[in-house]
C-alpha atoms as a PDB file:
ATOM      1  CA  MET A   1      22.242 -28.946 -15.374  1.00  0.00           C
ATOM      2  CA  GLN A   2      22.875 -30.736 -12.094  1.00  0.00           C
ATOM      3  CA  GLU A   3      20.447 -30.089  -9.240  1.00  0.00           C
ATOM      4  CA  SER A   4      23.180 -28.475  -7.141  1.00  0.00           C
ATOM      5  CA  GLN A   5      23.952 -25.984  -9.944  1.00  0.00           C
ATOM      6  CA  LYS A   6      20.394 -24.789 -10.492  1.00  0.00           C
ATOM      7  CA  PRO A   7      19.372 -21.312  -9.313  1.00  0.00           C
ATOM      8  CA  ARG A   8      17.408 -21.858  -6.130  1.00  0.00           C
ATOM      9  CA  VAL A   9      14.240 -19.905  -5.298  1.00  0.00           C
ATOM     10  CA  LEU A  10      12.323 -19.986  -2.008  1.00  0.00           C
ATOM     11  CA  ILE A  11       8.737 -18.737  -2.166  1.00  0.00           C
ATOM     12  CA  VAL A  12       7.541 -17.417   1.205  1.00  0.00           C
ATOM     13  CA  HIS A  13       3.740 -17.303   1.258  1.00  0.00           C
ATOM     14  CA  ASP A  14       1.011 -19.313   2.961  1.00  0.00           C
ATOM     15  CA  LYS A  15      -0.596 -20.181  -0.404  1.00  0.00           C
ATOM     16  CA  PRO A  16       2.257 -20.565  -2.912  1.00  0.00           C
ATOM     17  CA  GLU A  17       0.389 -22.727  -5.441  1.00  0.00           C
ATOM     18  CA  THR A  18      -0.402 -19.838  -7.801  1.00  0.00           C
ATOM     19  CA  TYR A  19       3.220 -18.769  -7.949  1.00  0.00           C
ATOM     20  CA  LEU A  20       4.522 -22.292  -8.442  1.00  0.00           C
ATOM     21  CA  ALA A  21       2.123 -23.003 -11.298  1.00  0.00           C
ATOM     22  CA  HIS A  22       3.204 -19.823 -13.062  1.00  0.00           C
ATOM     23  CA  LEU A  23       6.930 -20.279 -12.505  1.00  0.00           C
ATOM     24  CA  LYS A  24       7.787 -23.962 -12.765  1.00  0.00           C
ATOM     25  CA  ASP A  25       6.723 -24.352 -16.382  1.00  0.00           C
ATOM     26  CA  ARG A  26       8.529 -21.201 -17.473  1.00  0.00           C
ATOM     27  CA  PHE A  27      11.762 -21.920 -15.602  1.00  0.00           C
ATOM     28  CA  PRO A  28      12.505 -25.670 -15.655  1.00  0.00           C
ATOM     29  CA  GLU A  29      16.151 -24.867 -14.975  1.00  0.00           C
ATOM     30  CA  VAL A  30      15.285 -23.308 -11.586  1.00  0.00           C
ATOM     31  CA  PHE A  31      14.804 -25.208  -8.309  1.00  0.00           C
ATOM     32  CA  PHE A  32      11.751 -23.975  -6.389  1.00  0.00           C
ATOM     33  CA  ASP A  33      10.886 -24.578  -2.748  1.00  0.00           C
ATOM     34  CA  THR A  34       8.285 -23.041  -0.445  1.00  0.00           C
ATOM     35  CA  CYS A  35       7.760 -21.848   3.110  1.00  0.00           C
ATOM     36  CA  VAL A  36       4.110 -21.718   4.168  1.00  0.00           C
ATOM     37  CA  GLU A  37       4.375 -21.104   7.933  1.00  0.00           C
ATOM     38  CA  PRO A  38       6.103 -18.259   9.783  1.00  0.00           C
ATOM     39  CA  ASP A  39       7.810 -20.504  12.331  1.00  0.00           C
ATOM     40  CA  ALA A  40       9.279 -22.620   9.539  1.00  0.00           C
ATOM     41  CA  LEU A  41      11.226 -19.886   7.733  1.00  0.00           C
ATOM     42  CA  VAL A  42      14.628 -20.477   9.313  1.00  0.00           C
ATOM     43  CA  ALA A  43      14.343 -24.214   8.693  1.00  0.00           C
ATOM     44  CA  SER A  44      13.130 -23.604   5.131  1.00  0.00           C
ATOM     45  CA  LEU A  45      16.122 -21.389   4.427  1.00  0.00           C
ATOM     46  CA  ALA A  46      18.466 -24.073   5.711  1.00  0.00           C
ATOM     47  CA  ARG A  47      16.744 -26.777   3.649  1.00  0.00           C
ATOM     48  CA  ALA A  48      16.299 -24.883   0.388  1.00  0.00           C
ATOM     49  CA  ARG A  49      19.585 -22.920   0.487  1.00  0.00           C
ATOM     50  CA  PRO A  50      18.094 -20.285  -1.843  1.00  0.00           C
ATOM     51  CA  ASN A  51      20.012 -17.543  -3.571  1.00  0.00           C
ATOM     52  CA  ILE A  52      16.676 -15.929  -4.519  1.00  0.00           C
ATOM     53  CA  VAL A  53      13.615 -15.393  -2.297  1.00  0.00           C
ATOM     54  CA  PHE A  54      10.135 -14.326  -3.401  1.00  0.00           C
ATOM     55  CA  SER A  55       8.743 -12.920  -0.158  1.00  0.00           C
ATOM     56  CA  VAL A  56       5.016 -12.159   0.026  1.00  0.00           C
ATOM     57  CA  LYS A  57       3.744 -10.681   3.287  1.00  0.00           C
ATOM     58  CA  CYS A  58       0.296 -12.070   4.132  1.00  0.00           C
ATOM     59  CA  ARG A  59      -1.985 -12.919   7.045  1.00  0.00           C
ATOM     60  CA  GLY A  60      -0.470 -16.407   7.282  1.00  0.00           C
ATOM     61  CA  ILE A  61       3.116 -15.116   7.248  1.00  0.00           C
ATOM     62  CA  PRO A  62       2.986 -11.529   8.555  1.00  0.00           C
ATOM     63  CA  GLY A  63       5.688  -8.936   8.088  1.00  0.00           C
ATOM     64  CA  PRO A  64       7.902  -9.623  11.133  1.00  0.00           C
ATOM     65  CA  ALA A  65       8.259 -13.278  10.125  1.00  0.00           C
ATOM     66  CA  HIS A  66      10.189 -12.247   6.991  1.00  0.00           C
ATOM     67  CA  VAL A  67      13.008 -10.562   8.938  1.00  0.00           C
ATOM     68  CA  PRO A  68      15.447 -13.554   8.842  1.00  0.00           C
ATOM     69  CA  LEU A  69      15.581 -13.346   5.051  1.00  0.00           C
ATOM     70  CA  MET A  70      17.775 -10.280   5.093  1.00  0.00           C
ATOM     71  CA  SER A  71      20.653 -11.988   6.903  1.00  0.00           C
ATOM     72  CA  ALA A  72      20.256 -15.528   5.555  1.00  0.00           C
ATOM     73  CA  GLU A  73      23.449 -17.070   4.227  1.00  0.00           C
ATOM     74  CA  GLY A  74      23.554 -17.329   0.440  1.00  0.00           C
ATOM     75  CA  VAL A  75      20.529 -15.105  -0.291  1.00  0.00           C
ATOM     76  CA  GLU A  76      21.520 -12.657  -3.013  1.00  0.00           C
ATOM     77  CA  TRP A  77      18.171 -11.242  -4.115  1.00  0.00           C
ATOM     78  CA  VAL A  78      14.834 -10.751  -2.337  1.00  0.00           C
ATOM     79  CA  GLN A  79      11.798  -9.923  -4.450  1.00  0.00           C
ATOM     80  CA  VAL A  80       9.087  -8.445  -2.223  1.00  0.00           C
ATOM     81  CA  GLY A  81       5.504  -9.196  -3.222  1.00  0.00           C
ATOM     82  CA  GLY A  82       3.974  -5.758  -2.748  1.00  0.00           C
ATOM     83  CA  ALA A  83       5.351  -2.238  -2.605  1.00  0.00           C
ATOM     84  CA  GLY A  84       6.061  -1.736   1.101  1.00  0.00           C
ATOM     85  CA  ILE A  85       9.389  -2.686   2.668  1.00  0.00           C
ATOM     86  CA  ASP A  86       8.666  -1.276   6.120  1.00  0.00           C
ATOM     87  CA  HIS A  87       8.445  -4.827   7.542  1.00  0.00           C
ATOM     88  CA  LEU A  88      12.072  -5.551   6.612  1.00  0.00           C
ATOM     89  CA  PRO A  89      15.140  -4.631   8.676  1.00  0.00           C
ATOM     90  CA  ASN A  90      18.024  -2.732   7.131  1.00  0.00           C
ATOM     91  CA  TRP A  91      20.172  -4.856   4.864  1.00  0.00           C
ATOM     92  CA  ASN A  92      23.661  -4.778   3.405  1.00  0.00           C
ATOM     93  CA  GLN A  93      23.178  -3.631  -0.175  1.00  0.00           C
ATOM     94  CA  ALA A  94      26.598  -4.941  -1.126  1.00  0.00           C
ATOM     95  CA  SER A  95      25.435  -8.515  -0.538  1.00  0.00           C
ATOM     96  CA  VAL A  96      21.633  -8.458  -0.929  1.00  0.00           C
ATOM     97  CA  THR A  97      19.565  -6.906  -3.721  1.00  0.00           C
ATOM     98  CA  VAL A  98      15.940  -6.054  -2.920  1.00  0.00           C
ATOM     99  CA  THR A  99      13.186  -5.343  -5.434  1.00  0.00           C
ATOM    100  CA  ASN A 100       9.486  -4.767  -4.891  1.00  0.00           C
ATOM    101  CA  CYS A 101       6.253  -4.931  -6.895  1.00  0.00           C
ATOM    102  CA  ALA A 102       5.520  -1.208  -6.794  1.00  0.00           C
ATOM    103  CA  GLY A 103       3.186  -0.239  -9.603  1.00  0.00           C
ATOM    104  CA  VAL A 104       1.800  -3.714 -10.267  1.00  0.00           C
ATOM    105  CA  LEU A 105      -1.467  -3.028  -8.448  1.00  0.00           C
ATOM    106  CA  SER A 106      -1.378   0.778  -8.442  1.00  0.00           C
ATOM    107  CA  GLY A 107      -4.266   1.191 -10.857  1.00  0.00           C
ATOM    108  CA  PHE A 108      -6.552  -1.012  -8.797  1.00  0.00           C
ATOM    109  CA  LEU A 109      -5.810   0.864  -5.579  1.00  0.00           C
ATOM    110  CA  ALA A 110      -6.449   4.119  -7.436  1.00  0.00           C
ATOM    111  CA  GLU A 111      -9.875   2.772  -8.449  1.00  0.00           C
ATOM    112  CA  THR A 112     -10.647   2.119  -4.784  1.00  0.00           C
ATOM    113  CA  VAL A 113      -9.661   5.655  -3.817  1.00  0.00           C
ATOM    114  CA  ILE A 114     -11.828   7.176  -6.538  1.00  0.00           C
ATOM    115  CA  GLY A 115     -14.681   4.896  -5.499  1.00  0.00           C
ATOM    116  CA  ALA A 116     -14.332   6.140  -1.919  1.00  0.00           C
ATOM    117  CA  ILE A 117     -14.366   9.760  -3.063  1.00  0.00           C
ATOM    118  CA  LEU A 118     -17.559   9.267  -5.079  1.00  0.00           C
ATOM    119  CA  MET A 119     -19.208   7.202  -2.342  1.00  0.00           C
ATOM    120  CA  LEU A 120     -18.538   9.722   0.414  1.00  0.00           C
ATOM    121  CA  ASN A 121     -19.176  12.766  -1.759  1.00  0.00           C
ATOM    122  CA  PHE A 122     -22.645  11.555  -2.694  1.00  0.00           C
ATOM    123  CA  GLY A 123     -23.458  10.355   0.830  1.00  0.00           C
ATOM    124  CA  PHE A 124     -23.999   6.653   0.123  1.00  0.00           C
ATOM    125  CA  PRO A 125     -23.274   5.598   3.754  1.00  0.00           C
ATOM    126  CA  ALA A 126     -26.033   7.923   4.966  1.00  0.00           C
ATOM    127  CA  TYR A 127     -28.448   6.560   2.345  1.00  0.00           C
ATOM    128  CA  LEU A 128     -27.685   2.998   3.457  1.00  0.00           C
ATOM    129  CA  ARG A 129     -28.565   3.973   7.034  1.00  0.00           C
ATOM    130  CA  GLN A 130     -31.769   5.579   5.768  1.00  0.00           C
ATOM    131  CA  GLN A 131     -32.597   2.452   3.774  1.00  0.00           C
ATOM    132  CA  ARG A 132     -32.318   0.285   6.879  1.00  0.00           C
ATOM    133  CA  ALA A 133     -34.557   2.768   8.721  1.00  0.00           C
ATOM    134  CA  LYS A 134     -36.994   2.953   5.761  1.00  0.00           C
ATOM    135  CA  LEU A 135     -36.483   6.709   5.740  1.00  0.00           C
ATOM    136  CA  TRP A 136     -37.142   8.699   2.545  1.00  0.00           C
ATOM    137  CA  GLN A 137     -35.037  11.850   2.810  1.00  0.00           C
ATOM    138  CA  GLN A 138     -32.949  13.611   0.170  1.00  0.00           C
ATOM    139  CA  ILE A 139     -29.439  14.787   1.047  1.00  0.00           C
ATOM    140  CA  PRO A 140     -27.987  17.776  -0.855  1.00  0.00           C
ATOM    141  CA  TRP A 141     -24.674  17.117  -2.583  1.00  0.00           C
ATOM    142  CA  GLN A 142     -22.120  18.886  -4.771  1.00  0.00           C
ATOM    143  CA  THR A 143     -20.316  17.556  -7.813  1.00  0.00           C
ATOM    144  CA  VAL A 144     -16.726  16.407  -7.285  1.00  0.00           C
ATOM    145  CA  SER A 145     -15.792  18.464 -10.342  1.00  0.00           C
ATOM    146  CA  GLU A 146     -16.015  21.525  -8.100  1.00  0.00           C
ATOM    147  CA  LYS A 147     -13.831  20.066  -5.357  1.00  0.00           C
ATOM    148  CA  THR A 148     -10.144  19.883  -4.517  1.00  0.00           C
ATOM    149  CA  LEU A 149      -8.194  16.691  -3.918  1.00  0.00           C
ATOM    150  CA  LEU A 150      -4.853  16.725  -2.109  1.00  0.00           C
ATOM    151  CA  VAL A 151      -2.730  13.724  -3.090  1.00  0.00           C
ATOM    152  CA  VAL A 152      -0.016  13.185  -0.484  1.00  0.00           C
ATOM    153  CA  GLY A 153       2.763  11.250  -2.187  1.00  0.00           C
ATOM    154  CA  LEU A 154       3.163  11.218  -5.964  1.00  0.00           C
ATOM    155  CA  GLY A 155       4.601   7.790  -6.573  1.00  0.00           C
ATOM    156  CA  SER A 156       2.964   5.307  -8.915  1.00  0.00           C
ATOM    157  CA  ILE A 157      -0.274   5.133  -6.918  1.00  0.00           C
ATOM    158  CA  GLY A 158      -0.522   8.853  -6.249  1.00  0.00           C
ATOM    159  CA  ARG A 159      -0.042   9.688  -9.913  1.00  0.00           C
ATOM    160  CA  GLN A 160      -2.739   7.228 -10.976  1.00  0.00           C
ATOM    161  CA  VAL A 161      -5.147   8.650  -8.400  1.00  0.00           C
ATOM    162  CA  ALA A 162      -4.392  12.147  -9.712  1.00  0.00           C
ATOM    163  CA  GLN A 163      -5.053  11.035 -13.291  1.00  0.00           C
ATOM    164  CA  ARG A 164      -8.452   9.564 -12.441  1.00  0.00           C
ATOM    165  CA  ALA A 165      -9.433  12.515 -10.250  1.00  0.00           C
ATOM    166  CA  LYS A 166      -8.495  14.937 -13.022  1.00  0.00           C
ATOM    167  CA  ALA A 167     -10.732  12.994 -15.421  1.00  0.00           C
ATOM    168  CA  LEU A 168     -13.605  13.738 -13.025  1.00  0.00           C
ATOM    169  CA  GLY A 169     -12.786  17.446 -13.227  1.00  0.00           C
ATOM    170  CA  MET A 170     -11.322  17.757  -9.733  1.00  0.00           C
ATOM    171  CA  HIS A 171      -8.687  20.337  -8.868  1.00  0.00           C
ATOM    172  CA  VAL A 172      -5.675  18.209  -7.939  1.00  0.00           C
ATOM    173  CA  VAL A 173      -2.927  19.340  -5.578  1.00  0.00           C
ATOM    174  CA  GLY A 174       0.134  17.150  -5.106  1.00  0.00           C
ATOM    175  CA  ALA A 175       2.312  17.026  -1.993  1.00  0.00           C
ATOM    176  CA  SER A 176       5.736  15.392  -2.196  1.00  0.00           C
ATOM    177  CA  ARG A 177       9.276  15.841  -0.910  1.00  0.00           C
ATOM    178  CA  SER A 178      10.522  16.947  -4.315  1.00  0.00           C
ATOM    179  CA  PRO A 179       8.594  18.607  -7.161  1.00  0.00           C
ATOM    180  CA  THR A 180       7.043  15.986  -9.430  1.00  0.00           C
ATOM    181  CA  ALA A 181       5.825  17.170 -12.815  1.00  0.00           C
ATOM    182  CA  SER A 182       2.526  15.636 -13.869  1.00  0.00           C
ATOM    183  CA  PRO A 183      -0.134  16.736 -16.352  1.00  0.00           C
ATOM    184  CA  TYR A 184      -2.730  15.627 -13.798  1.00  0.00           C
ATOM    185  CA  VAL A 185      -1.520  17.844 -10.933  1.00  0.00           C
ATOM    186  CA  ASP A 186      -2.677  21.441 -11.010  1.00  0.00           C
ATOM    187  CA  GLU A 187      -0.407  22.688  -8.252  1.00  0.00           C
ATOM    188  CA  SER A 188       2.151  21.343  -5.795  1.00  0.00           C
ATOM    189  CA  VAL A 189       3.089  21.896  -2.180  1.00  0.00           C
ATOM    190  CA  PRO A 190       6.205  20.553  -0.460  1.00  0.00           C
ATOM    191  CA  LEU A 191       5.563  17.801   2.062  1.00  0.00           C
ATOM    192  CA  GLU A 192       7.250  19.981   4.679  1.00  0.00           C
ATOM    193  CA  SER A 193       4.409  22.505   4.205  1.00  0.00           C
ATOM    194  CA  LEU A 194       1.618  19.940   4.174  1.00  0.00           C
ATOM    195  CA  SER A 195      -0.750  22.086   6.245  1.00  0.00           C
ATOM    196  CA  ASP A 196      -0.870  24.621   3.405  1.00  0.00           C
ATOM    197  CA  GLY A 197      -2.442  21.974   1.181  1.00  0.00           C
ATOM    198  CA  LEU A 198      -4.698  20.568   3.881  1.00  0.00           C
ATOM    199  CA  ARG A 199      -6.459  23.879   4.492  1.00  0.00           C
ATOM    200  CA  ASN A 200      -8.027  24.009   1.039  1.00  0.00           C
ATOM    201  CA  ALA A 201      -8.627  20.314   0.328  1.00  0.00           C
ATOM    202  CA  ASP A 202     -12.068  18.747   0.268  1.00  0.00           C
ATOM    203  CA  PHE A 203     -10.470  15.284   0.075  1.00  0.00           C
ATOM    204  CA  VAL A 204      -7.039  14.208   1.289  1.00  0.00           C
ATOM    205  CA  THR A 205      -5.626  10.870   0.142  1.00  0.00           C
ATOM    206  CA  LEU A 206      -2.379   9.385   1.488  1.00  0.00           C
ATOM    207  CA  HIS A 207       0.122   7.491  -0.671  1.00  0.00           C
ATOM    208  CA  VAL A 208       3.457   7.571   1.140  1.00  0.00           C
ATOM    209  CA  PRO A 209       5.615   4.679   2.349  1.00  0.00           C
ATOM    210  CA  MET A 210       5.829   3.870   6.038  1.00  0.00           C
ATOM    211  CA  ASN A 211       9.149   5.007   7.508  1.00  0.00           C
ATOM    212  CA  ALA A 212      10.490   7.184  10.300  1.00  0.00           C
ATOM    213  CA  SER A 213       9.763  10.403   8.417  1.00  0.00           C
ATOM    214  CA  THR A 214       6.140   9.534   7.640  1.00  0.00           C
ATOM    215  CA  ARG A 215       5.072   8.010  10.957  1.00  0.00           C
ATOM    216  CA  ASP A 216       2.132  10.064  12.293  1.00  0.00           C
ATOM    217  CA  LEU A 217       2.437  12.344   9.265  1.00  0.00           C
ATOM    218  CA  ILE A 218      -1.228  13.150   9.858  1.00  0.00           C
ATOM    219  CA  GLY A 219      -1.569  14.047  13.518  1.00  0.00           C
ATOM    220  CA  ALA A 220      -3.732  16.348  15.608  1.00  0.00           C
ATOM    221  CA  GLY A 221      -2.229  19.493  14.071  1.00  0.00           C
ATOM    222  CA  GLU A 222      -2.752  18.324  10.514  1.00  0.00           C
ATOM    223  CA  LEU A 223      -6.321  17.232  11.227  1.00  0.00           C
ATOM    224  CA  ALA A 224      -7.012  20.634  12.781  1.00  0.00           C
ATOM    225  CA  ALA A 225      -5.722  22.249   9.580  1.00  0.00           C
ATOM    226  CA  MET A 226      -8.233  20.346   7.445  1.00  0.00           C
ATOM    227  CA  LYS A 227     -11.612  21.801   6.490  1.00  0.00           C
ATOM    228  CA  SER A 228     -14.492  20.854   8.786  1.00  0.00           C
ATOM    229  CA  ASP A 229     -16.188  19.209   5.798  1.00  0.00           C
ATOM    230  CA  GLY A 230     -12.970  17.548   4.660  1.00  0.00           C
ATOM    231  CA  ILE A 231     -12.588  13.800   4.090  1.00  0.00           C
ATOM    232  CA  LEU A 232      -9.421  11.803   4.837  1.00  0.00           C
ATOM    233  CA  ILE A 233      -8.577   8.656   2.842  1.00  0.00           C
ATOM    234  CA  ASN A 234      -5.814   6.317   3.982  1.00  0.00           C
ATOM    235  CA  THR A 235      -4.880   3.273   1.906  1.00  0.00           C
ATOM    236  CA  SER A 236      -1.121   3.467   2.572  1.00  0.00           C
ATOM    237  CA  ARG A 237      -0.139   2.319   6.067  1.00  0.00           C
ATOM    238  CA  GLY A 238      -1.901   2.715   9.400  1.00  0.00           C
ATOM    239  CA  GLY A 239       1.134   4.271  11.063  1.00  0.00           C
ATOM    240  CA  VAL A 240       1.064   7.244   8.711  1.00  0.00           C
ATOM    241  CA  VAL A 241      -1.923   8.551  10.705  1.00  0.00           C
ATOM    242  CA  ASP A 242      -2.123   9.149  14.449  1.00  0.00           C
ATOM    243  CA  GLU A 243      -5.125   6.882  14.962  1.00  0.00           C
ATOM    244  CA  ALA A 244      -6.107   8.298  18.341  1.00  0.00           C
ATOM    245  CA  ALA A 245      -6.067  11.847  16.973  1.00  0.00           C
ATOM    246  CA  LEU A 246      -8.089  10.784  13.940  1.00  0.00           C
ATOM    247  CA  THR A 247     -10.651   8.988  16.086  1.00  0.00           C
ATOM    248  CA  SER A 248     -11.090  12.114  18.171  1.00  0.00           C
ATOM    249  CA  ALA A 249     -11.392  14.327  15.068  1.00  0.00           C
ATOM    250  CA  LEU A 250     -14.100  12.047  13.667  1.00  0.00           C
ATOM    251  CA  GLN A 251     -15.968  11.779  16.968  1.00  0.00           C
ATOM    252  CA  THR A 252     -16.056  15.566  17.428  1.00  0.00           C
ATOM    253  CA  ARG A 253     -16.746  16.182  13.711  1.00  0.00           C
ATOM    254  CA  GLU A 254     -13.555  18.225  13.439  1.00  0.00           C
ATOM    255  CA  ILE A 255     -13.437  16.639   9.995  1.00  0.00           C
ATOM    256  CA  ALA A 256     -16.459  15.279   8.163  1.00  0.00           C
ATOM    257  CA  GLY A 257     -15.354  11.707   7.581  1.00  0.00           C
ATOM    258  CA  ALA A 258     -12.781   9.146   6.540  1.00  0.00           C
ATOM    259  CA  TYR A 259     -12.255   6.057   4.436  1.00  0.00           C
ATOM    260  CA  LEU A 260      -9.686   3.788   6.094  1.00  0.00           C
ATOM    261  CA  ASP A 261      -8.259   0.588   4.642  1.00  0.00           C
ATOM    262  CA  VAL A 262      -5.180   0.371   6.901  1.00  0.00           C
ATOM    263  CA  PHE A 263      -4.734   0.596  10.659  1.00  0.00           C
ATOM    264  CA  GLN A 264      -2.032   0.712  13.294  1.00  0.00           C
ATOM    265  CA  THR A 265      -3.049  -2.779  14.469  1.00  0.00           C
ATOM    266  CA  GLU A 266      -4.422  -5.279  11.959  1.00  0.00           C
ATOM    267  CA  PRO A 267      -6.894  -6.866  12.146  1.00  0.00           C
ATOM    268  CA  LEU A 268      -8.521  -3.848  13.756  1.00  0.00           C
ATOM    269  CA  PRO A 269      -9.314  -4.803  17.363  1.00  0.00           C
ATOM    270  CA  ALA A 270     -12.996  -5.244  18.173  1.00  0.00           C
ATOM    271  CA  GLU A 271     -12.726  -2.646  20.922  1.00  0.00           C
ATOM    272  CA  SER A 272     -11.568   0.102  18.537  1.00  0.00           C
ATOM    273  CA  PRO A 273     -14.021   3.024  18.584  1.00  0.00           C
ATOM    274  CA  LEU A 274     -13.563   3.394  14.835  1.00  0.00           C
ATOM    275  CA  TRP A 275     -15.966   0.498  14.272  1.00  0.00           C
ATOM    276  CA  ASP A 276     -18.886   2.496  15.678  1.00  0.00           C
ATOM    277  CA  LEU A 277     -18.369   5.803  13.882  1.00  0.00           C
ATOM    278  CA  GLU A 278     -21.041   6.640  11.318  1.00  0.00           C
ATOM    279  CA  ASN A 279     -18.665   9.007   9.507  1.00  0.00           C
ATOM    280  CA  ALA A 280     -15.952   6.376   8.963  1.00  0.00           C
ATOM    281  CA  VAL A 281     -15.955   3.673   6.281  1.00  0.00           C
ATOM    282  CA  LEU A 282     -13.598   0.786   7.070  1.00  0.00           C
ATOM    283  CA  THR A 283     -12.256  -2.026   4.901  1.00  0.00           C
ATOM    284  CA  PRO A 284      -9.818  -4.813   5.925  1.00  0.00           C
ATOM    285  CA  HIS A 285      -6.604  -3.806   4.077  1.00  0.00           C
ATOM    286  CA  VAL A 286      -8.083  -4.849   0.759  1.00  0.00           C
ATOM    287  CA  SER A 287      -7.926  -1.704  -1.391  1.00  0.00           C
ATOM    288  CA  ASP A 288      -5.571  -3.177  -4.000  1.00  0.00           C
ATOM    289  CA  ALA A 289      -6.517  -6.854  -3.589  1.00  0.00           C
ATOM    290  CA  VAL A 290      -7.942  -7.394  -7.075  1.00  0.00           C
ATOM    291  CA  ASP A 291      -8.939 -11.055  -7.361  1.00  0.00           C
ATOM    292  CA  ASP A 292      -5.947 -12.072  -9.496  1.00  0.00           C
ATOM    293  CA  TRP A 293      -3.332 -10.114  -7.572  1.00  0.00           C
ATOM    294  CA  ALA A 294      -1.234 -13.238  -6.934  1.00  0.00           C
ATOM    295  CA  ASP A 295      -1.038 -13.937 -10.679  1.00  0.00           C
ATOM    296  CA  ARG A 296       0.068 -10.369 -11.311  1.00  0.00           C
ATOM    297  CA  TYR A 297       2.801 -10.554  -8.655  1.00  0.00           C
ATOM    298  CA  ALA A 298       3.917 -13.898 -10.057  1.00  0.00           C
ATOM    299  CA  ALA A 299       4.093 -12.441 -13.574  1.00  0.00           C
ATOM    300  CA  PHE A 300       6.188  -9.505 -12.359  1.00  0.00           C
ATOM    301  CA  PHE A 301       8.536 -11.800 -10.440  1.00  0.00           C
ATOM    302  CA  ALA A 302       8.834 -14.035 -13.511  1.00  0.00           C
ATOM    303  CA  GLU A 303       9.930 -11.081 -15.640  1.00  0.00           C
ATOM    304  CA  ASN A 304      12.488 -10.064 -13.027  1.00  0.00           C
ATOM    305  CA  LEU A 305      13.687 -13.655 -12.679  1.00  0.00           C
ATOM    306  CA  GLU A 306      14.206 -13.764 -16.447  1.00  0.00           C
ATOM    307  CA  LYS A 307      16.348 -10.644 -16.125  1.00  0.00           C
ATOM    308  CA  TRP A 308      18.318 -12.163 -13.242  1.00  0.00           C
ATOM    309  CA  LEU A 309      19.049 -15.322 -15.209  1.00  0.00           C
ATOM    310  CA  THR A 310      20.191 -13.382 -18.274  1.00  0.00           C
ATOM    311  CA  GLY A 311      22.169 -10.739 -16.402  1.00  0.00           C
ATOM    312  CA  ALA A 312      19.843  -7.846 -17.299  1.00  0.00           C
ATOM    313  CA  PRO A 313      19.090  -5.045 -14.775  1.00  0.00           C
ATOM    314  CA  LEU A 314      16.253  -5.835 -12.387  1.00  0.00           C
ATOM    315  CA  GLU A 315      13.098  -3.724 -12.209  1.00  0.00           C
ATOM    316  CA  ASN A 316      12.030  -1.858  -9.051  1.00  0.00           C
ATOM    317  CA  LEU A 317      15.287  -1.839  -7.130  1.00  0.00           C
ATOM    318  CA  VAL A 318      14.828  -0.428  -3.625  1.00  0.00           C
ATOM    319  CA  GLN A 319      17.391   0.836  -1.175  1.00  0.00           C
ATOM    320  CA  SER A 320      17.764  -0.043   2.459  1.00  0.00           C
ATOM    321  CA  PRO A 321      16.456   2.889   4.529  1.00  0.00           C
ATOM    322  CA  LYS A 322      19.797   3.005   6.383  1.00  0.00           C
ATOM    323  CA  HIS A 323      22.174   0.859   4.424  1.00  0.00           C
ATOM    324  CA  PRO A 324      25.723   0.178   5.607  1.00  0.00           C
END
């Protein structure tokens, strides 16, 4: 096959070596090129002339830098590394196909959520503070098997969280826009009536995409509806929660605590009051970043690329939020 006739793939990531190693040997008939800097994307598109793009949002090439992909001449398919597409503009579905990696890392994120529930339920942050103070003091606690978890969003991640929580004996309530049958969900509430679920939940975990309908889904009113000893967990997107309202609710102990892996501005600014709250546990957007995540994304893309080359249907097709 002549070079000009080869399918052409552009990998957009600041560290593409893992993907290249996985893909080049498997697909010798495919031409691969890379873009490793955000300011170089337009030039990389012109040089590589790809009809396929593997686009992985990362610190080195943040979300907004990927916007030109959706209108680039000749690009027919964009595979997003990750589940979220909120960093992409609307696209013309007649000319560009978009797929994501939803589900690839769902189990690992679910592990993080369950870890947060157990950590906060038992009071490990308080014991760490006592350890530093050399203070010997027992803190009463209750088993999670007697507590209720509200899972907001029952996609791949939400369902896996529900499964693991049910194994611990928790009462699991699911909130979604449409009823989703699951053997791991004891009862359901519509997302439009979220406050009904919040009132009885000991733990609330968020697993919804970031879009216009979910922005500030958890605001002052929703936080006021939560139990005073309730815990909020957010590993979805920072914009799903009104951060100022949450900060206030934590400062005034309107809710008991929170585990937060995502924020409205990332990295979280040093001046954010969240850093200093004893009832908040913060991590740097790492809840699903298992150490071989790049290999797993590469493997998923490779399977989809195989389908593309053979004319089979692609996995994880996503629609433009407002497609033409």
